């Protein structure tokens, strides 16, 4: 008996994992073929995706940087307000033994 060529042989029964893999490979080859037939559209799609993917990350960094700088400024302002005493005018202290005329005289200096 002669061997039967593989193209004419009946299809083998394969498991579900092999069927899944075979379908994914054939879909991948078909998709790459469609992309190769339209190079300009493919290039534009790749550029749009390349531009839009980093935008949320960049926006997050910018907002976080501004929030941190604003928070640092607020913290600094709060620290300054609580750590320094507000200015209050106080009359100068004059001891009971000294008088204004004694301090003002030219011989006392």
N, C-alpha and C. Protein backbone atom coordinates (compact mmCIF):
# COMPACT_ATOMS: atom_id res chain seq x y z
N UNK A 1 0.83 -1.17 0.00
CA UNK A 1 0.00 0.00 0.00
C UNK A 1 0.88 1.24 0.00
N UNK A 2 0.45 2.18 -0.82
CA UNK A 2 1.20 3.43 -0.90
C UNK A 2 0.76 4.38 0.22
N UNK A 3 1.73 5.21 0.72
CA UNK A 3 1.32 6.20 1.74
C UNK A 3 0.47 7.31 1.13
N UNK A 4 -0.48 7.79 1.88
CA UNK A 4 -1.39 8.85 1.43
C UNK A 4 -0.71 10.18 1.71
N UNK A 5 -0.69 11.10 0.70
CA UNK A 5 -0.12 12.43 0.96
C UNK A 5 -0.88 13.14 2.08
N UNK A 6 -0.15 14.00 2.82
CA UNK A 6 -0.76 14.68 3.97
C UNK A 6 -1.91 15.58 3.56
N UNK A 7 -1.84 16.20 2.38
CA UNK A 7 -2.91 17.10 1.94
C UNK A 7 -4.21 16.35 1.74
N UNK A 8 -4.14 15.07 1.40
CA UNK A 8 -5.35 14.29 1.17
C UNK A 8 -5.77 13.49 2.38
N UNK A 9 -4.95 13.46 3.39
CA UNK A 9 -5.27 12.69 4.60
C UNK A 9 -6.39 13.39 5.36
N UNK A 10 -7.21 12.64 6.07
CA UNK A 10 -8.28 13.26 6.86
C UNK A 10 -7.69 14.12 7.99
N UNK A 11 -8.43 15.13 8.36
CA UNK A 11 -7.97 16.06 9.41
C UNK A 11 -7.85 15.32 10.73
N UNK A 12 -6.76 15.62 11.43
CA UNK A 12 -6.55 14.99 12.73
C UNK A 12 -7.39 15.69 13.78
N UNK A 13 -7.78 14.95 14.74
CA UNK A 13 -8.49 15.54 15.87
C UNK A 13 -7.46 16.17 16.80
N UNK A 14 -7.66 17.46 17.11
CA UNK A 14 -6.75 18.15 18.01
C UNK A 14 -7.52 18.59 19.24
N UNK A 15 -6.77 18.85 20.28
CA UNK A 15 -7.38 19.28 21.52
C UNK A 15 -7.80 20.74 21.46
N UNK A 16 -8.50 21.23 22.47
CA UNK A 16 -8.98 22.61 22.48
C UNK A 16 -7.85 23.63 22.54
N UNK A 17 -6.77 23.31 23.21
CA UNK A 17 -5.65 24.25 23.31
C UNK A 17 -4.98 24.40 21.95
N UNK A 18 -4.79 23.30 21.23
CA UNK A 18 -4.17 23.35 19.91
C UNK A 18 -5.08 24.11 18.94
N UNK A 19 -6.39 23.90 19.02
CA UNK A 19 -7.33 24.64 18.16
C UNK A 19 -7.26 26.13 18.46
N UNK A 20 -7.23 26.47 19.73
CA UNK A 20 -7.14 27.88 20.13
C UNK A 20 -5.86 28.51 19.59
N UNK A 21 -4.74 27.82 19.73
CA UNK A 21 -3.46 28.35 19.25
C UNK A 21 -3.46 28.49 17.73
N UNK A 22 -4.00 27.50 17.03
CA UNK A 22 -4.04 27.54 15.56
C UNK A 22 -4.89 28.72 15.07
N UNK A 23 -6.01 28.96 15.71
CA UNK A 23 -6.86 30.09 15.31
C UNK A 23 -6.18 31.43 15.59
N UNK A 24 -5.48 31.52 16.69
CA UNK A 24 -4.78 32.76 16.99
C UNK A 24 -3.64 33.01 16.02
N UNK A 25 -2.92 31.98 15.65
CA UNK A 25 -1.83 32.15 14.70
C UNK A 25 -2.38 32.57 13.34
N UNK A 26 -3.47 31.94 12.90
CA UNK A 26 -4.03 32.32 11.59
C UNK A 26 -4.59 33.74 11.62
N UNK A 27 -5.17 34.17 12.74
CA UNK A 27 -5.66 35.54 12.85
C UNK A 27 -4.50 36.53 12.85
N UNK A 28 -3.40 36.19 13.51
CA UNK A 28 -2.22 37.04 13.52
C UNK A 28 -1.67 37.21 12.11
N UNK A 29 -1.57 36.15 11.36
CA UNK A 29 -1.05 36.23 9.99
C UNK A 29 -1.97 37.06 9.11
N UNK A 30 -3.28 36.89 9.26
CA UNK A 30 -4.23 37.69 8.48
C UNK A 30 -4.15 39.16 8.83
N UNK A 31 -4.00 39.48 10.11
CA UNK A 31 -3.91 40.88 10.54
C UNK A 31 -2.64 41.53 10.03
N UNK A 32 -1.52 40.80 10.11
CA UNK A 32 -0.26 41.35 9.58
C UNK A 32 -0.35 41.57 8.07
N UNK A 33 -1.06 40.71 7.36
CA UNK A 33 -1.25 40.89 5.92
C UNK A 33 -2.05 42.15 5.62
N UNK A 34 -3.11 42.40 6.39
CA UNK A 34 -3.91 43.62 6.18
C UNK A 34 -3.09 44.87 6.49
N UNK A 35 -2.27 44.80 7.55
CA UNK A 35 -1.42 45.94 7.88
C UNK A 35 -0.38 46.20 6.78
N UNK A 36 0.14 45.14 6.19
CA UNK A 36 1.15 45.30 5.14
C UNK A 36 0.54 45.85 3.85
N UNK A 37 -0.73 45.59 3.62
CA UNK A 37 -1.38 46.10 2.39
C UNK A 37 -1.68 47.59 2.48
N UNK A 38 -1.76 48.14 3.70
CA UNK A 38 -2.06 49.57 3.87
C UNK A 38 -1.00 50.20 4.76
N UNK A 39 0.20 50.47 4.22
CA UNK A 39 1.29 50.95 5.07
C UNK A 39 1.07 52.35 5.65
N UNK A 40 0.45 53.27 4.89
CA UNK A 40 0.23 54.63 5.40
C UNK A 40 -0.76 54.62 6.56
N UNK A 41 -1.84 53.89 6.41
CA UNK A 41 -2.83 53.81 7.48
C UNK A 41 -2.22 53.15 8.72
N UNK A 42 -1.39 52.14 8.49
CA UNK A 42 -0.71 51.48 9.60
C UNK A 42 0.21 52.45 10.33
N UNK A 43 0.97 53.22 9.56
CA UNK A 43 1.89 54.20 10.16
C UNK A 43 1.12 55.24 10.97
N UNK A 44 0.03 55.74 10.44
CA UNK A 44 -0.77 56.73 11.16
C UNK A 44 -1.35 56.15 12.44
N UNK A 45 -1.81 54.92 12.38
CA UNK A 45 -2.36 54.28 13.57
C UNK A 45 -1.29 54.10 14.64
N UNK A 46 -0.11 53.67 14.22
CA UNK A 46 0.99 53.49 15.17
C UNK A 46 1.38 54.84 15.79
N UNK A 47 1.42 55.90 14.99
CA UNK A 47 1.77 57.22 15.52
C UNK A 47 0.73 57.72 16.53
N UNK A 48 -0.54 57.53 16.22
CA UNK A 48 -1.59 57.96 17.14
C UNK A 48 -1.49 57.21 18.46
N UNK A 49 -1.27 55.92 18.37
CA UNK A 49 -1.13 55.13 19.61
C UNK A 49 0.12 55.55 20.37
N UNK A 50 1.21 55.81 19.66
CA UNK A 50 2.46 56.21 20.32
C UNK A 50 2.32 57.56 21.00
N UNK A 51 1.49 58.44 20.47
CA UNK A 51 1.30 59.76 21.10
C UNK A 51 0.33 59.67 22.27
N UNK A 52 -0.74 58.90 22.11
CA UNK A 52 -1.78 58.89 23.15
C UNK A 52 -1.45 58.04 24.36
N UNK A 53 -0.60 57.06 24.23
CA UNK A 53 -0.28 56.24 25.40
C UNK A 53 0.47 57.00 26.48
N UNK A 54 1.46 57.83 26.17
CA UNK A 54 2.17 58.55 27.25
C UNK A 54 1.41 59.75 27.81
N UNK A 55 0.35 60.20 27.18
CA UNK A 55 -0.35 61.40 27.66
C UNK A 55 -0.88 61.27 29.09
N UNK A 56 -1.57 60.21 29.45
CA UNK A 56 -2.03 60.13 30.85
C UNK A 56 -0.89 60.11 31.85
N UNK A 57 0.19 59.43 31.52
CA UNK A 57 1.33 59.40 32.45
C UNK A 57 1.95 60.78 32.59
N UNK A 58 2.08 61.51 31.48
CA UNK A 58 2.64 62.86 31.54
C UNK A 58 1.72 63.79 32.33
N UNK A 59 0.43 63.66 32.12
CA UNK A 59 -0.52 64.50 32.86
C UNK A 59 -0.45 64.19 34.36
N UNK A 60 -0.31 62.93 34.70
CA UNK A 60 -0.19 62.55 36.11
C UNK A 60 1.05 63.17 36.73
N UNK A 61 2.17 63.13 36.00
CA UNK A 61 3.40 63.71 36.53
C UNK A 61 3.29 65.21 36.71
N UNK A 62 2.69 65.89 35.74
CA UNK A 62 2.55 67.35 35.83
C UNK A 62 1.66 67.73 37.01
N UNK A 63 0.54 67.06 37.14
CA UNK A 63 -0.39 67.37 38.23
C UNK A 63 0.27 67.07 39.58
N UNK A 64 0.95 65.93 39.67
CA UNK A 64 1.60 65.58 40.93
C UNK A 64 2.69 66.59 41.29
N UNK A 65 3.43 67.05 40.30
CA UNK A 65 4.48 68.03 40.56
C UNK A 65 3.88 69.33 41.08
N UNK A 66 2.77 69.78 40.47
CA UNK A 66 2.15 71.03 40.92
C UNK A 66 1.51 70.87 42.28
N UNK A 67 0.92 69.72 42.55
CA UNK A 67 0.31 69.50 43.86
C UNK A 67 1.39 69.49 44.94
N UNK A 68 2.52 68.83 44.65
CA UNK A 68 3.60 68.80 45.64
C UNK A 68 4.17 70.18 45.89
N UNK A 69 4.37 70.96 44.83
CA UNK A 69 4.92 72.30 45.04
C UNK A 69 3.92 73.19 45.78
N UNK A 70 2.65 73.04 45.48
CA UNK A 70 1.64 73.83 46.19
C UNK A 70 1.57 73.40 47.65
N UNK A 71 1.65 72.11 47.88
CA UNK A 71 1.61 71.62 49.27
C UNK A 71 2.85 72.07 50.03
N UNK A 72 3.99 72.07 49.37
CA UNK A 72 5.21 72.52 50.04
C UNK A 72 5.12 74.00 50.40
N UNK A 73 4.56 74.81 49.50
CA UNK A 73 4.38 76.22 49.78
C UNK A 73 3.41 76.45 50.92
N UNK A 74 2.34 75.68 50.96
CA UNK A 74 1.36 75.80 52.04
C UNK A 74 1.97 75.38 53.36
N UNK A 75 2.73 74.30 53.35
CA UNK A 75 3.36 73.85 54.58
C UNK A 75 4.34 74.89 55.08
N UNK A 76 5.11 75.47 54.18
CA UNK A 76 6.07 76.50 54.57
C UNK A 76 5.32 77.70 55.16
N UNK A 77 4.22 78.10 54.53
CA UNK A 77 3.46 79.25 55.01
C UNK A 77 2.87 78.96 56.39
N UNK A 78 2.31 77.77 56.57
CA UNK A 78 1.74 77.41 57.87
C UNK A 78 2.83 77.38 58.93
N UNK A 79 4.01 76.84 58.60
CA UNK A 79 5.11 76.79 59.56
C UNK A 79 5.54 78.20 59.95
N UNK A 80 5.61 79.10 58.99
CA UNK A 80 6.01 80.46 59.30
C UNK A 80 4.97 81.14 60.18
N UNK A 81 3.71 80.91 59.92
CA UNK A 81 2.67 81.55 60.72
C UNK A 81 2.64 81.03 62.15
N UNK A 82 2.94 79.76 62.33
CA UNK A 82 2.85 79.21 63.68
C UNK A 82 4.15 79.31 64.45
N UNK A 83 5.28 79.46 63.76
CA UNK A 83 6.54 79.45 64.48
C UNK A 83 7.00 80.84 64.89
N UNK A 84 6.51 81.87 64.30
CA UNK A 84 6.92 83.22 64.68
C UNK A 84 5.78 83.90 65.43
N UNK A 85 6.16 84.65 66.44
CA UNK A 85 5.14 85.37 67.18
C UNK A 85 4.74 86.61 66.41
N UNK A 86 3.49 86.96 66.41
CA UNK A 86 3.08 88.18 65.72
C UNK A 86 3.66 89.40 66.44
N UNK A 87 3.90 90.44 65.69
CA UNK A 87 4.49 91.66 66.25
C UNK A 87 3.48 92.37 67.12
N UNK A 88 3.88 92.68 68.35
CA UNK A 88 3.06 93.49 69.24
C UNK A 88 3.94 94.61 69.76
N UNK A 89 3.41 95.81 69.73
CA UNK A 89 4.18 96.95 70.23
C UNK A 89 4.18 96.90 71.74
N UNK A 90 5.35 97.05 72.29
CA UNK A 90 5.50 97.10 73.74
C UNK A 90 6.23 98.37 74.10
N UNK A 91 5.82 99.02 75.13
CA UNK A 91 6.56 100.23 75.53
C UNK A 91 7.95 99.86 76.02
N UNK A 92 8.91 100.74 75.84
CA UNK A 92 10.27 100.43 76.29
C UNK A 92 10.32 100.32 77.80
N UNK A 93 11.18 99.44 78.27
CA UNK A 93 11.32 99.25 79.72
C UNK A 93 12.26 100.32 80.28
N UNK A 94 11.81 100.97 81.27
CA UNK A 94 12.61 102.00 81.93
C UNK A 94 12.74 101.59 83.39
N UNK A 95 13.96 101.49 83.82
CA UNK A 95 14.15 101.09 85.22
C UNK A 95 13.79 102.26 86.14
N UNK A 96 13.52 101.96 87.36
CA UNK A 96 13.10 102.98 88.31
C UNK A 96 14.23 103.93 88.66
N UNK A 97 15.47 103.49 88.59
CA UNK A 97 16.59 104.35 88.98
C UNK A 97 17.02 105.29 87.87
N UNK A 98 16.79 104.91 86.64
CA UNK A 98 17.24 105.80 85.55
C UNK A 98 16.09 106.68 85.12
N UNK A 99 16.42 107.84 84.70
CA UNK A 99 15.39 108.74 84.21
C UNK A 99 15.70 109.09 82.78
N UNK A 100 14.76 109.64 82.14
CA UNK A 100 14.94 110.00 80.74
C UNK A 100 16.00 111.09 80.60
N UNK A 101 16.01 112.00 81.50
CA UNK A 101 16.99 113.09 81.40
C UNK A 101 18.40 112.59 81.62
N UNK A 102 18.57 111.54 82.44
CA UNK A 102 19.91 111.01 82.66
C UNK A 102 20.41 110.31 81.41
N UNK A 103 19.54 109.64 80.70
CA UNK A 103 19.95 108.95 79.48
C UNK A 103 20.20 109.93 78.35
N UNK A 104 19.56 111.07 78.39
CA UNK A 104 19.65 112.03 77.30
C UNK A 104 20.81 113.01 77.50
N UNK A 105 21.40 113.03 78.67
CA UNK A 105 22.43 114.01 78.92
C UNK A 105 23.72 113.64 78.18
N UNK A 106 24.47 114.65 77.74
CA UNK A 106 25.70 114.34 76.99
C UNK A 106 26.80 113.78 77.85
N UNK A 107 26.76 113.89 79.12
CA UNK A 107 27.82 113.40 79.99
C UNK A 107 27.65 111.93 80.35
N UNK A 108 26.51 111.36 80.09
CA UNK A 108 26.27 109.99 80.49
C UNK A 108 26.80 108.97 79.48
N UNK A 109 27.27 109.37 78.36
CA UNK A 109 27.65 108.45 77.31
C UNK A 109 29.03 108.10 77.36
